[in-house]
Amino acid sequence: MKKIRVLLVDDHDIVRLGLMTLLNDQPDMEVVGEASASMPAIQASERFQPDVVLMDIRLPGEGGIEATRQITSRFAHIKVVMLTSFADDDLVIRAINAGATGYVLKQVGNEELIRAIRATARGESLLDSSTTARLLAHVRKTDRLAQEDAFRDFTDREMDVLLYLAKGKTNSEIASLLHLSEKTVGNYVANMFMKLQVNNRVELAAYAYEHHLFEKIGKE
């Protein structure tokens, strides 16, 4: 049976010793190396070519997240599981963006950690269950804020024009509906082109739909 090759990265000797004992006791795992700082972790990854790196976020040097970024960018086959005491939403996002496929709290039980390593070796992405709930909430909040910012630079009148434009109305029709001159409507449309850096009405309408304009306005 092919064993999962694991590299341990933690700046506490006793933590690495405990993890090494635990993992080497598993019939399908072997610890092939260890490191206590970010640069040695990168070097050890190159030397040992592990399947999984068990990486502490808080490391001397550039830190575990930057080490993860360099390892995953240089060695695409190596999977990184972040192991940390800190249930920090921002760190989770940064770790995932750096290429980590797993994020597990040190407080988890041995069996859960072993399952996480096995899942990661199979190519599955996973998070500690409590972290998952917070991450989803964070993503939803970020998406909601992005939607709120989507039309931040538009005036109320531009929003009115955009609403009708997205419904397929011509400038002439919009002018009639809003009691404006056709030239004024054209100016509003040109301003929106400039603000969004789009080239035509189709792109402008697509932006409106992508950012849920009709839900925001509350009109159909």
N, C-alpha and C. Protein backbone atom coordinates (compact mmCIF):
# COMPACT_ATOMS: atom_id res chain seq x y z
N MET A 1 0.84 -1.20 0.00
CA MET A 1 0.00 0.00 0.00
C MET A 1 0.88 1.26 0.00
N LYS A 2 0.55 2.15 -0.92
CA LYS A 2 1.30 3.40 -1.00
C LYS A 2 0.92 4.29 0.18
N LYS A 3 1.94 4.76 0.89
CA LYS A 3 1.68 5.60 2.05
C LYS A 3 1.61 7.08 1.68
N ILE A 4 0.84 7.81 2.47
CA ILE A 4 0.75 9.26 2.31
C ILE A 4 1.98 9.87 2.95
N ARG A 5 2.74 10.59 2.15
CA ARG A 5 3.99 11.19 2.63
C ARG A 5 3.67 12.58 3.19
N VAL A 6 4.01 12.79 4.46
CA VAL A 6 3.62 14.02 5.15
C VAL A 6 4.86 14.77 5.61
N LEU A 7 4.83 16.09 5.38
CA LEU A 7 5.86 16.98 5.91
C LEU A 7 5.24 17.79 7.05
N LEU A 8 5.88 17.81 8.21
CA LEU A 8 5.37 18.54 9.37
C LEU A 8 6.09 19.89 9.48
N VAL A 9 5.30 20.95 9.61
CA VAL A 9 5.88 22.29 9.74
C VAL A 9 5.24 22.98 10.95
N ASP A 10 6.04 23.13 12.01
CA ASP A 10 5.58 23.80 13.23
C ASP A 10 6.81 24.27 13.99
N ASP A 11 6.72 25.44 14.62
CA ASP A 11 7.90 25.95 15.30
C ASP A 11 8.04 25.43 16.73
N HIS A 12 7.15 24.53 17.15
CA HIS A 12 7.26 23.93 18.49
C HIS A 12 7.70 22.47 18.36
N ASP A 13 8.86 22.17 18.92
CA ASP A 13 9.42 20.82 18.81
C ASP A 13 8.46 19.76 19.35
N ILE A 14 7.82 20.07 20.47
CA ILE A 14 6.96 19.07 21.10
C ILE A 14 5.71 18.79 20.26
N VAL A 15 5.23 19.81 19.56
CA VAL A 15 4.08 19.61 18.67
C VAL A 15 4.47 18.70 17.52
N ARG A 16 5.61 18.96 16.92
CA ARG A 16 6.07 18.12 15.81
C ARG A 16 6.28 16.68 16.26
N LEU A 17 6.84 16.52 17.46
CA LEU A 17 7.09 15.17 17.99
C LEU A 17 5.78 14.41 18.18
N GLY A 18 4.79 15.11 18.74
CA GLY A 18 3.49 14.46 18.96
C GLY A 18 2.83 14.08 17.64
N LEU A 19 2.88 14.99 16.66
CA LEU A 19 2.29 14.71 15.37
C LEU A 19 3.03 13.58 14.64
N MET A 20 4.34 13.57 14.76
CA MET A 20 5.12 12.53 14.11
C MET A 20 4.76 11.16 14.66
N THR A 21 4.63 11.08 15.98
CA THR A 21 4.27 9.81 16.62
C THR A 21 2.88 9.35 16.16
N LEU A 22 1.94 10.30 16.14
CA LEU A 22 0.57 9.98 15.74
C LEU A 22 0.51 9.50 14.30
N LEU A 23 1.15 10.22 13.40
CA LEU A 23 1.02 9.90 11.98
C LEU A 23 1.81 8.65 11.59
N ASN A 24 2.98 8.48 12.19
CA ASN A 24 3.77 7.28 11.86
C ASN A 24 3.12 6.01 12.39
N ASP A 25 2.19 6.15 13.32
CA ASP A 25 1.45 4.99 13.83
C ASP A 25 0.34 4.56 12.87
N GLN A 26 0.05 5.40 11.87
CA GLN A 26 -1.00 5.07 10.90
C GLN A 26 -0.41 4.18 9.80
N PRO A 27 -1.11 3.13 9.44
CA PRO A 27 -0.54 2.21 8.44
C PRO A 27 -0.40 2.81 7.05
N ASP A 28 -1.12 3.89 6.79
CA ASP A 28 -1.09 4.48 5.45
C ASP A 28 -0.39 5.84 5.41
N MET A 29 0.40 6.16 6.45
CA MET A 29 1.08 7.45 6.50
C MET A 29 2.52 7.30 6.95
N GLU A 30 3.35 8.23 6.47
CA GLU A 30 4.71 8.31 6.99
C GLU A 30 5.17 9.77 6.96
N VAL A 31 5.81 10.20 8.02
CA VAL A 31 6.37 11.54 8.08
C VAL A 31 7.73 11.51 7.42
N VAL A 32 7.89 12.26 6.34
CA VAL A 32 9.14 12.21 5.57
C VAL A 32 10.08 13.35 5.92
N GLY A 33 9.59 14.35 6.67
CA GLY A 33 10.44 15.46 7.03
C GLY A 33 9.73 16.42 7.95
N GLU A 34 10.48 17.38 8.48
CA GLU A 34 9.91 18.39 9.36
C GLU A 34 10.68 19.69 9.21
N ALA A 35 10.01 20.78 9.58
CA ALA A 35 10.62 22.10 9.50
C ALA A 35 9.98 22.97 10.57
N SER A 36 10.71 24.02 10.98
CA SER A 36 10.23 24.88 12.07
C SER A 36 10.04 26.33 11.65
N ALA A 37 10.28 26.64 10.36
CA ALA A 37 10.12 28.01 9.88
C ALA A 37 9.74 27.97 8.40
N SER A 38 9.36 29.12 7.87
CA SER A 38 8.82 29.15 6.52
C SER A 38 9.82 28.75 5.44
N MET A 39 11.02 29.32 5.46
CA MET A 39 12.00 29.00 4.43
C MET A 39 12.43 27.54 4.48
N PRO A 40 12.75 26.99 5.66
CA PRO A 40 13.05 25.56 5.72
C PRO A 40 11.89 24.69 5.24
N ALA A 41 10.65 25.16 5.44
CA ALA A 41 9.49 24.40 4.97
C ALA A 41 9.47 24.32 3.46
N ILE A 42 9.79 25.43 2.81
CA ILE A 42 9.84 25.45 1.34
C ILE A 42 10.95 24.54 0.84
N GLN A 43 12.11 24.62 1.49
CA GLN A 43 13.24 23.80 1.10
C GLN A 43 12.95 22.31 1.31
N ALA A 44 12.30 22.00 2.44
CA ALA A 44 11.96 20.61 2.73
C ALA A 44 10.93 20.07 1.75
N SER A 45 10.01 20.93 1.32
CA SER A 45 9.02 20.50 0.33
C SER A 45 9.70 20.13 -0.98
N GLU A 46 10.68 20.93 -1.37
CA GLU A 46 11.42 20.64 -2.60
C GLU A 46 12.23 19.36 -2.45
N ARG A 47 12.81 19.16 -1.28
CA ARG A 47 13.67 18.00 -1.07
C ARG A 47 12.88 16.70 -0.97
N PHE A 48 11.81 16.72 -0.16
CA PHE A 48 11.09 15.47 0.14
C PHE A 48 9.89 15.21 -0.77
N GLN A 49 9.40 16.25 -1.45
CA GLN A 49 8.25 16.09 -2.33
C GLN A 49 7.11 15.33 -1.64
N PRO A 50 6.63 15.84 -0.52
CA PRO A 50 5.56 15.14 0.21
C PRO A 50 4.23 15.22 -0.55
N ASP A 51 3.30 14.37 -0.15
CA ASP A 51 1.93 14.47 -0.68
C ASP A 51 1.17 15.57 0.03
N VAL A 52 1.41 15.68 1.35
CA VAL A 52 0.69 16.64 2.18
C VAL A 52 1.68 17.35 3.10
N VAL A 53 1.53 18.66 3.20
CA VAL A 53 2.27 19.44 4.19
C VAL A 53 1.29 19.86 5.27
N LEU A 54 1.60 19.51 6.52
CA LEU A 54 0.80 19.94 7.65
C LEU A 54 1.47 21.20 8.18
N MET A 55 0.85 22.35 7.93
CA MET A 55 1.51 23.65 8.08
C MET A 55 0.88 24.50 9.17
N ASP A 56 1.69 24.93 10.14
CA ASP A 56 1.22 25.89 11.12
C ASP A 56 1.21 27.29 10.49
N ILE A 57 0.15 28.04 10.74
CA ILE A 57 0.06 29.39 10.15
C ILE A 57 1.10 30.32 10.76
N ARG A 58 1.26 30.25 12.07
CA ARG A 58 2.17 31.16 12.76
C ARG A 58 3.57 30.57 12.76
N LEU A 59 4.40 31.05 11.83
CA LEU A 59 5.76 30.54 11.72
C LEU A 59 6.76 31.68 11.73
N PRO A 60 7.97 31.44 12.24
CA PRO A 60 9.03 32.45 12.10
C PRO A 60 9.35 32.67 10.63
N GLY A 61 9.84 33.85 10.33
CA GLY A 61 10.14 34.18 8.94
C GLY A 61 8.93 34.79 8.27
N GLU A 62 8.65 34.40 7.03
CA GLU A 62 7.56 34.99 6.27
C GLU A 62 6.20 34.46 6.68
N GLY A 63 6.15 33.44 7.50
CA GLY A 63 4.89 32.90 7.99
C GLY A 63 4.38 31.74 7.16
N GLY A 64 3.43 31.00 7.74
CA GLY A 64 2.92 29.81 7.10
C GLY A 64 2.14 30.08 5.83
N ILE A 65 1.44 31.21 5.77
CA ILE A 65 0.64 31.51 4.59
C ILE A 65 1.53 31.77 3.38
N GLU A 66 2.59 32.54 3.57
CA GLU A 66 3.50 32.81 2.46
C GLU A 66 4.25 31.54 2.06
N ALA A 67 4.61 30.72 3.04
CA ALA A 67 5.26 29.45 2.72
C ALA A 67 4.32 28.57 1.90
N THR A 68 3.04 28.57 2.26
CA THR A 68 2.03 27.82 1.51
C THR A 68 1.92 28.33 0.09
N ARG A 69 1.90 29.64 -0.07
CA ARG A 69 1.80 30.24 -1.40
C ARG A 69 2.96 29.77 -2.29
N GLN A 70 4.17 29.79 -1.74
CA GLN A 70 5.33 29.42 -2.54
C GLN A 70 5.35 27.92 -2.84
N ILE A 71 4.97 27.12 -1.86
CA ILE A 71 4.97 25.67 -2.05
C ILE A 71 3.95 25.26 -3.11
N THR A 72 2.72 25.78 -2.99
CA THR A 72 1.67 25.37 -3.93
C THR A 72 1.90 25.92 -5.33
N SER A 73 2.58 27.05 -5.44
CA SER A 73 2.86 27.60 -6.76
C SER A 73 4.01 26.87 -7.45
N ARG A 74 4.94 26.36 -6.67
CA ARG A 74 6.11 25.68 -7.23
C ARG A 74 5.89 24.19 -7.41
N PHE A 75 5.07 23.60 -6.53
CA PHE A 75 4.86 22.16 -6.56
C PHE A 75 3.35 21.88 -6.54
N ALA A 76 2.77 21.80 -7.71
CA ALA A 76 1.31 21.73 -7.82
C ALA A 76 0.73 20.47 -7.20
N HIS A 77 1.51 19.41 -7.11
CA HIS A 77 0.99 18.14 -6.59
C HIS A 77 0.96 18.12 -5.06
N ILE A 78 1.64 19.05 -4.42
CA ILE A 78 1.69 19.06 -2.95
C ILE A 78 0.46 19.76 -2.39
N LYS A 79 -0.23 19.10 -1.47
CA LYS A 79 -1.39 19.68 -0.82
C LYS A 79 -0.99 20.19 0.56
N VAL A 80 -1.58 21.30 0.96
CA VAL A 80 -1.24 21.89 2.26
C VAL A 80 -2.48 21.96 3.14
N VAL A 81 -2.33 21.43 4.35
CA VAL A 81 -3.36 21.55 5.38
C VAL A 81 -2.84 22.52 6.43
N MET A 82 -3.58 23.58 6.67
CA MET A 82 -3.19 24.53 7.70
C MET A 82 -3.66 24.01 9.06
N LEU A 83 -2.73 23.93 9.99
CA LEU A 83 -3.04 23.48 11.34
C LEU A 83 -2.74 24.63 12.29
N THR A 84 -3.76 25.12 12.99
CA THR A 84 -3.56 26.32 13.78
C THR A 84 -4.47 26.37 14.99
N SER A 85 -4.06 27.14 15.97
CA SER A 85 -4.88 27.37 17.15
C SER A 85 -5.85 28.52 16.96
N PHE A 86 -5.69 29.26 15.86
CA PHE A 86 -6.42 30.50 15.69
C PHE A 86 -7.59 30.33 14.72
N ALA A 87 -8.79 30.48 15.23
CA ALA A 87 -10.00 30.43 14.39
C ALA A 87 -10.27 31.83 13.87
N ASP A 88 -9.43 32.29 12.98
CA ASP A 88 -9.47 33.67 12.48
C ASP A 88 -9.97 33.68 11.04
N ASP A 89 -11.12 34.35 10.81
CA ASP A 89 -11.72 34.35 9.48
C ASP A 89 -10.78 34.90 8.41
N ASP A 90 -10.09 35.98 8.75
CA ASP A 90 -9.19 36.59 7.77
C ASP A 90 -8.06 35.63 7.40
N LEU A 91 -7.54 34.91 8.39
CA LEU A 91 -6.47 33.95 8.12
C LEU A 91 -6.98 32.81 7.25
N VAL A 92 -8.22 32.39 7.47
CA VAL A 92 -8.79 31.33 6.64
C VAL A 92 -8.81 31.76 5.17
N ILE A 93 -9.33 32.96 4.93
CA ILE A 93 -9.42 33.47 3.56
C ILE A 93 -8.03 33.57 2.94
N ARG A 94 -7.09 34.12 3.70
CA ARG A 94 -5.73 34.27 3.18
C ARG A 94 -5.08 32.92 2.90
N ALA A 95 -5.32 31.96 3.78
CA ALA A 95 -4.74 30.63 3.59
C ALA A 95 -5.30 29.96 2.33
N ILE A 96 -6.61 30.07 2.13
CA ILE A 96 -7.23 29.47 0.95
C ILE A 96 -6.72 30.16 -0.32
N ASN A 97 -6.62 31.48 -0.28
CA ASN A 97 -6.10 32.22 -1.43
C ASN A 97 -4.65 31.85 -1.73
N ALA A 98 -3.93 31.45 -0.69
CA ALA A 98 -2.53 31.05 -0.87
C ALA A 98 -2.40 29.65 -1.44
N GLY A 99 -3.51 28.91 -1.49
CA GLY A 99 -3.47 27.57 -2.08
C GLY A 99 -3.72 26.43 -1.12
N ALA A 100 -3.98 26.72 0.15
CA ALA A 100 -4.25 25.66 1.11
C ALA A 100 -5.55 24.94 0.75
N THR A 101 -5.55 23.63 0.87
CA THR A 101 -6.76 22.85 0.57
C THR A 101 -7.49 22.42 1.83
N GLY A 102 -6.89 22.68 2.98
CA GLY A 102 -7.54 22.34 4.24
C GLY A 102 -7.14 23.30 5.34
N TYR A 103 -8.01 23.43 6.32
CA TYR A 103 -7.76 24.33 7.45
C TYR A 103 -8.35 23.66 8.67
N VAL A 104 -7.49 23.21 9.58
CA VAL A 104 -7.95 22.43 10.73
C VAL A 104 -7.42 23.05 12.02
N LEU A 105 -8.28 23.16 13.00
CA LEU A 105 -7.86 23.69 14.29
C LEU A 105 -7.10 22.64 15.09
N LYS A 106 -6.11 23.09 15.86
CA LYS A 106 -5.32 22.16 16.66
C LYS A 106 -6.14 21.48 17.75
N GLN A 107 -7.29 22.06 18.06
CA GLN A 107 -8.12 21.49 19.10
C GLN A 107 -8.87 20.24 18.66
N VAL A 108 -8.84 19.92 17.36
CA VAL A 108 -9.59 18.75 16.89
C VAL A 108 -8.97 17.47 17.43
N GLY A 109 -9.74 16.41 17.45
CA GLY A 109 -9.23 15.13 17.91
C GLY A 109 -8.30 14.49 16.89
N ASN A 110 -7.56 13.49 17.35
CA ASN A 110 -6.60 12.82 16.47
C ASN A 110 -7.26 12.21 15.24
N GLU A 111 -8.43 11.58 15.44
CA GLU A 111 -9.09 10.92 14.32
C GLU A 111 -9.53 11.92 13.26
N GLU A 112 -10.00 13.08 13.72
CA GLU A 112 -10.44 14.09 12.76
C GLU A 112 -9.26 14.62 11.97
N LEU A 113 -8.13 14.80 12.62
CA LEU A 113 -6.94 15.27 11.92
C LEU A 113 -6.48 14.25 10.89
N ILE A 114 -6.49 12.99 11.26
CA ILE A 114 -6.08 11.93 10.34
C ILE A 114 -7.01 11.87 9.14
N ARG A 115 -8.32 11.98 9.39
CA ARG A 115 -9.28 12.00 8.28
C ARG A 115 -9.02 13.18 7.36
N ALA A 116 -8.66 14.33 7.95
CA ALA A 116 -8.39 15.52 7.16
C ALA A 116 -7.19 15.31 6.24
N ILE A 117 -6.15 14.68 6.75
CA ILE A 117 -4.96 14.42 5.95
C ILE A 117 -5.28 13.45 4.82
N ARG A 118 -6.04 12.42 5.14
CA ARG A 118 -6.41 11.45 4.10
C ARG A 118 -7.27 12.10 3.02
N ALA A 119 -8.22 12.92 3.43
CA ALA A 119 -9.10 13.59 2.47
C ALA A 119 -8.29 14.53 1.58
N THR A 120 -7.37 15.25 2.19
CA THR A 120 -6.52 16.18 1.43
C THR A 120 -5.66 15.42 0.42
N ALA A 121 -5.12 14.29 0.84
CA ALA A 121 -4.29 13.48 -0.06
C ALA A 121 -5.09 12.98 -1.26
N ARG A 122 -6.41 12.77 -1.05
CA ARG A 122 -7.28 12.34 -2.15
C ARG A 122 -7.66 13.49 -3.07
N GLY A 123 -7.24 14.71 -2.71
CA GLY A 123 -7.55 15.87 -3.53
C GLY A 123 -8.79 16.61 -3.11
N GLU A 124 -9.34 16.26 -1.94
CA GLU A 124 -10.54 16.94 -1.46
C GLU A 124 -10.14 18.19 -0.69
N SER A 125 -10.98 19.21 -0.77
CA SER A 125 -10.78 20.43 0.01
C SER A 125 -11.67 20.35 1.24
N LEU A 126 -11.14 20.75 2.37
CA LEU A 126 -11.94 20.66 3.58
C LEU A 126 -11.54 21.73 4.57
N LEU A 127 -12.50 22.02 5.45
CA LEU A 127 -12.29 22.95 6.55
C LEU A 127 -12.85 22.33 7.82
N ASP A 128 -12.30 22.73 8.93
CA ASP A 128 -12.89 22.40 10.21
C ASP A 128 -14.35 22.84 10.20
N SER A 129 -15.26 22.03 10.75
CA SER A 129 -16.69 22.30 10.63
C SER A 129 -17.09 23.67 11.16
N SER A 130 -16.53 24.09 12.28
CA SER A 130 -16.88 25.41 12.83
C SER A 130 -16.34 26.52 11.94
N THR A 131 -15.18 26.27 11.33
CA THR A 131 -14.59 27.26 10.44
C THR A 131 -15.42 27.40 9.17
N THR A 132 -15.97 26.29 8.69
CA THR A 132 -16.77 26.32 7.47
C THR A 132 -17.95 27.27 7.62
N ALA A 133 -18.65 27.18 8.74
CA ALA A 133 -19.82 28.04 8.95
C ALA A 133 -19.43 29.50 8.94
N ARG A 134 -18.33 29.84 9.60
CA ARG A 134 -17.90 31.23 9.64
C ARG A 134 -17.41 31.69 8.27
N LEU A 135 -16.74 30.80 7.55
CA LEU A 135 -16.24 31.17 6.23
C LEU A 135 -17.40 31.46 5.28
N LEU A 136 -18.42 30.61 5.30
CA LEU A 136 -19.58 30.85 4.45
C LEU A 136 -20.23 32.18 4.79
N ALA A 137 -20.34 32.47 6.09
CA ALA A 137 -20.92 33.75 6.51
C ALA A 137 -20.07 34.91 6.01
N HIS A 138 -18.76 34.74 6.07
CA HIS A 138 -17.84 35.78 5.62
C HIS A 138 -17.99 36.01 4.12
N VAL A 139 -18.08 34.90 3.35
CA VAL A 139 -18.22 35.02 1.90
C VAL A 139 -19.53 35.70 1.55
N ARG A 140 -20.60 35.31 2.24
CA ARG A 140 -21.90 35.94 1.97
C ARG A 140 -21.85 37.44 2.28
N LYS A 141 -21.20 37.79 3.39
CA LYS A 141 -21.10 39.19 3.76
C LYS A 141 -20.28 39.96 2.72
N THR A 142 -19.18 39.36 2.28
CA THR A 142 -18.33 40.00 1.28
C THR A 142 -19.10 40.20 -0.02
N ASP A 143 -19.87 39.17 -0.42
CA ASP A 143 -20.65 39.27 -1.65
C ASP A 143 -21.72 40.35 -1.52
N ARG A 144 -22.35 40.42 -0.34
CA ARG A 144 -23.38 41.43 -0.13
C ARG A 144 -22.80 42.84 -0.19
N LEU A 145 -21.62 43.01 0.40
CA LEU A 145 -20.98 44.33 0.37
C LEU A 145 -20.57 44.69 -1.06
N ALA A 146 -20.12 43.69 -1.82
CA ALA A 146 -19.75 43.96 -3.22
C ALA A 146 -20.96 44.39 -4.02
N GLN A 147 -22.10 43.76 -3.74
CA GLN A 147 -23.32 44.14 -4.45
C GLN A 147 -23.73 45.56 -4.09
N GLU A 148 -23.56 45.89 -2.80
CA GLU A 148 -23.93 47.24 -2.37
C GLU A 148 -23.04 48.30 -3.02
N ASP A 149 -21.79 47.93 -3.29
CA ASP A 149 -20.86 48.87 -3.89
C ASP A 149 -20.98 48.95 -5.41
N ALA A 150 -21.71 48.01 -6.01
CA ALA A 150 -21.75 47.90 -7.46
C ALA A 150 -22.24 49.17 -8.14
N PHE A 151 -23.17 49.88 -7.52
CA PHE A 151 -23.75 51.08 -8.12
C PHE A 151 -23.47 52.33 -7.27
N ARG A 152 -22.44 52.24 -6.47
CA ARG A 152 -22.14 53.29 -5.50
C ARG A 152 -21.92 54.65 -6.17
N ASP A 153 -21.31 54.65 -7.36
CA ASP A 153 -20.96 55.90 -8.03
C ASP A 153 -22.08 56.44 -8.93
N PHE A 154 -23.20 55.75 -8.96
CA PHE A 154 -24.30 56.18 -9.82
C PHE A 154 -25.23 57.14 -9.08
N THR A 155 -25.70 58.15 -9.78
CA THR A 155 -26.72 59.04 -9.21
C THR A 155 -28.08 58.35 -9.29
N ASP A 156 -29.05 58.88 -8.57
CA ASP A 156 -30.40 58.31 -8.62
C ASP A 156 -30.95 58.32 -10.03
N ARG A 157 -30.69 59.40 -10.78
CA ARG A 157 -31.20 59.50 -12.14
C ARG A 157 -30.53 58.48 -13.05
N GLU A 158 -29.24 58.27 -12.86
CA GLU A 158 -28.55 57.25 -13.65
C GLU A 158 -29.12 55.87 -13.36
N MET A 159 -29.47 55.62 -12.12
CA MET A 159 -30.08 54.34 -11.77
C MET A 159 -31.41 54.17 -12.48
N ASP A 160 -32.19 55.26 -12.56
CA ASP A 160 -33.47 55.20 -13.27
C ASP A 160 -33.25 54.85 -14.75
N VAL A 161 -32.28 55.52 -15.35
CA VAL A 161 -31.98 55.27 -16.77
C VAL A 161 -31.50 53.83 -16.96
N LEU A 162 -30.62 53.38 -16.07
CA LEU A 162 -30.07 52.04 -16.19
C LEU A 162 -31.16 50.98 -16.07
N LEU A 163 -32.10 51.21 -15.20
CA LEU A 163 -33.19 50.26 -15.02
C LEU A 163 -33.94 50.02 -16.33
N TYR A 164 -34.28 51.11 -17.01
CA TYR A 164 -35.01 50.97 -18.27
C TYR A 164 -34.11 50.46 -19.39
N LEU A 165 -32.85 50.88 -19.38
CA LEU A 165 -31.91 50.40 -20.40
C LEU A 165 -31.77 48.88 -20.30
N ALA A 166 -31.67 48.38 -19.05
CA ALA A 166 -31.53 46.93 -18.84
C ALA A 166 -32.77 46.17 -19.29
N LYS A 167 -33.90 46.86 -19.36
CA LYS A 167 -35.14 46.24 -19.85
C LYS A 167 -35.26 46.31 -21.37
N GLY A 168 -34.24 46.91 -22.01
CA GLY A 168 -34.22 46.94 -23.47
C GLY A 168 -34.82 48.19 -24.09
N LYS A 169 -35.07 49.21 -23.28
CA LYS A 169 -35.65 50.44 -23.81
C LYS A 169 -34.59 51.25 -24.56
N THR A 170 -35.02 51.95 -25.59
CA THR A 170 -34.13 52.84 -26.34
C THR A 170 -34.00 54.16 -25.58
N ASN A 171 -33.03 54.98 -25.98
CA ASN A 171 -32.88 56.29 -25.35
C ASN A 171 -34.14 57.12 -25.51
N SER A 172 -34.76 57.03 -26.67
CA SER A 172 -35.98 57.79 -26.92
C SER A 172 -37.10 57.35 -25.98
N GLU A 173 -37.23 56.04 -25.81
CA GLU A 173 -38.28 55.51 -24.92
C GLU A 173 -38.00 55.89 -23.47
N ILE A 174 -36.73 55.81 -23.07
CA ILE A 174 -36.35 56.18 -21.70
C ILE A 174 -36.64 57.65 -21.46
N ALA A 175 -36.33 58.48 -22.44
CA ALA A 175 -36.57 59.92 -22.32
C ALA A 175 -38.05 60.19 -22.09
N SER A 176 -38.88 59.50 -22.82
CA SER A 176 -40.32 59.69 -22.68
C SER A 176 -40.81 59.24 -21.30
N LEU A 177 -40.31 58.10 -20.85
CA LEU A 177 -40.75 57.55 -19.57
C LEU A 177 -40.30 58.41 -18.39
N LEU A 178 -39.14 59.02 -18.51
CA LEU A 178 -38.58 59.81 -17.40
C LEU A 178 -38.77 61.32 -17.59
N HIS A 179 -39.43 61.69 -18.68
CA HIS A 179 -39.68 63.10 -18.95
C HIS A 179 -38.36 63.89 -19.06
N LEU A 180 -37.45 63.31 -19.84
CA LEU A 180 -36.17 63.94 -20.10
C LEU A 180 -35.99 64.09 -21.59
N SER A 181 -35.01 64.89 -21.99
CA SER A 181 -34.69 64.95 -23.40
C SER A 181 -33.86 63.73 -23.77
N GLU A 182 -33.92 63.36 -25.04
CA GLU A 182 -33.15 62.21 -25.49
C GLU A 182 -31.65 62.47 -25.33
N LYS A 183 -31.23 63.72 -25.53
CA LYS A 183 -29.82 64.07 -25.36
C LYS A 183 -29.38 63.87 -23.92
N THR A 184 -30.24 64.24 -22.97
CA THR A 184 -29.90 64.08 -21.55
C THR A 184 -29.74 62.60 -21.21
N VAL A 185 -30.65 61.79 -21.72
CA VAL A 185 -30.53 60.35 -21.50
C VAL A 185 -29.22 59.83 -22.07
N GLY A 186 -28.88 60.29 -23.26
CA GLY A 186 -27.62 59.88 -23.88
C GLY A 186 -26.42 60.26 -23.03
N ASN A 187 -26.50 61.43 -22.40
CA ASN A 187 -25.40 61.86 -21.52
C ASN A 187 -25.28 60.94 -20.30
N TYR A 188 -26.44 60.58 -19.74
CA TYR A 188 -26.42 59.67 -18.59
C TYR A 188 -25.79 58.33 -18.98
N VAL A 189 -26.18 57.81 -20.12
CA VAL A 189 -25.65 56.53 -20.59
C VAL A 189 -24.13 56.63 -20.81
N ALA A 190 -23.69 57.72 -21.42
CA ALA A 190 -22.26 57.92 -21.65
C ALA A 190 -21.49 57.99 -20.33
N ASN A 191 -22.08 58.65 -19.34
CA ASN A 191 -21.44 58.74 -18.02
C ASN A 191 -21.29 57.35 -17.39
N MET A 192 -22.32 56.52 -17.56
CA MET A 192 -22.25 55.17 -16.99
C MET A 192 -21.22 54.32 -17.71
N PHE A 193 -21.12 54.49 -19.04
CA PHE A 193 -20.06 53.81 -19.78
C PHE A 193 -18.70 54.14 -19.17
N MET A 194 -18.47 55.41 -18.91
CA MET A 194 -17.20 55.87 -18.40
C MET A 194 -16.94 55.33 -16.99
N LYS A 195 -17.97 55.38 -16.14
CA LYS A 195 -17.81 54.93 -14.75
C LYS A 195 -17.50 53.44 -14.65
N LEU A 196 -18.12 52.65 -15.52
CA LEU A 196 -17.94 51.20 -15.46
C LEU A 196 -16.89 50.69 -16.45
N GLN A 197 -16.38 51.58 -17.30
CA GLN A 197 -15.39 51.19 -18.30
C GLN A 197 -15.95 50.10 -19.22
N VAL A 198 -17.20 50.29 -19.65
CA VAL A 198 -17.80 49.37 -20.62
C VAL A 198 -17.94 50.10 -21.96
N ASN A 199 -18.17 49.32 -23.01
CA ASN A 199 -18.12 49.89 -24.35
C ASN A 199 -19.47 50.07 -25.03
N ASN A 200 -20.50 49.38 -24.53
CA ASN A 200 -21.78 49.46 -25.22
C ASN A 200 -22.94 49.16 -24.27
N ARG A 201 -24.16 49.28 -24.79
CA ARG A 201 -25.36 49.11 -23.98
C ARG A 201 -25.52 47.66 -23.51
N VAL A 202 -25.07 46.72 -24.34
CA VAL A 202 -25.19 45.32 -23.95
C VAL A 202 -24.36 45.03 -22.70
N GLU A 203 -23.13 45.53 -22.69
CA GLU A 203 -22.26 45.33 -21.53
C GLU A 203 -22.83 46.03 -20.31
N LEU A 204 -23.40 47.20 -20.50
CA LEU A 204 -24.01 47.94 -19.40
C LEU A 204 -25.20 47.17 -18.83
N ALA A 205 -26.04 46.64 -19.70
CA ALA A 205 -27.20 45.87 -19.27
C ALA A 205 -26.75 44.59 -18.56
N ALA A 206 -25.70 43.96 -19.08
CA ALA A 206 -25.18 42.74 -18.47
C ALA A 206 -24.69 43.02 -17.05
N TYR A 207 -24.02 44.15 -16.88
CA TYR A 207 -23.54 44.54 -15.55
C TYR A 207 -24.73 44.70 -14.60
N ALA A 208 -25.80 45.30 -15.07
CA ALA A 208 -26.98 45.51 -14.24
C ALA A 208 -27.56 44.19 -13.77
N TYR A 209 -27.65 43.23 -14.69
CA TYR A 209 -28.21 41.92 -14.32
C TYR A 209 -27.26 41.16 -13.39
N GLU A 210 -25.97 41.20 -13.68
CA GLU A 210 -25.01 40.48 -12.85
C GLU A 210 -25.01 40.97 -11.42
N HIS A 211 -25.32 42.25 -11.23
CA HIS A 211 -25.30 42.84 -9.89
C HIS A 211 -26.70 43.07 -9.34
N HIS A 212 -27.65 42.30 -9.88
CA HIS A 212 -28.99 42.23 -9.31
C HIS A 212 -29.67 43.60 -9.17
N LEU A 213 -29.62 44.37 -10.23
CA LEU A 213 -30.21 45.70 -10.20
C LEU A 213 -31.70 45.66 -9.86
N PHE A 214 -32.43 44.72 -10.44
CA PHE A 214 -33.88 44.70 -10.25
C PHE A 214 -34.26 44.37 -8.81
N GLU A 215 -33.44 43.50 -8.16
CA GLU A 215 -33.68 43.21 -6.75
C GLU A 215 -33.39 44.45 -5.90
N LYS A 216 -32.35 45.17 -6.27
CA LYS A 216 -31.96 46.35 -5.51
C LYS A 216 -33.01 47.46 -5.62
N ILE A 217 -33.50 47.67 -6.84
CA ILE A 217 -34.47 48.72 -7.07
C ILE A 217 -35.85 48.35 -6.56
N GLY A 218 -36.13 47.03 -6.61
CA GLY A 218 -37.44 46.58 -6.16
C GLY A 218 -38.51 46.78 -7.21
N LYS A 219 -38.10 46.80 -8.49
CA LYS A 219 -39.06 46.97 -9.58
C LYS A 219 -38.92 45.82 -10.56
N GLU A 220 -39.94 45.59 -11.31
CA GLU A 220 -39.90 44.55 -12.34
C GLU A 220 -40.18 45.17 -13.70
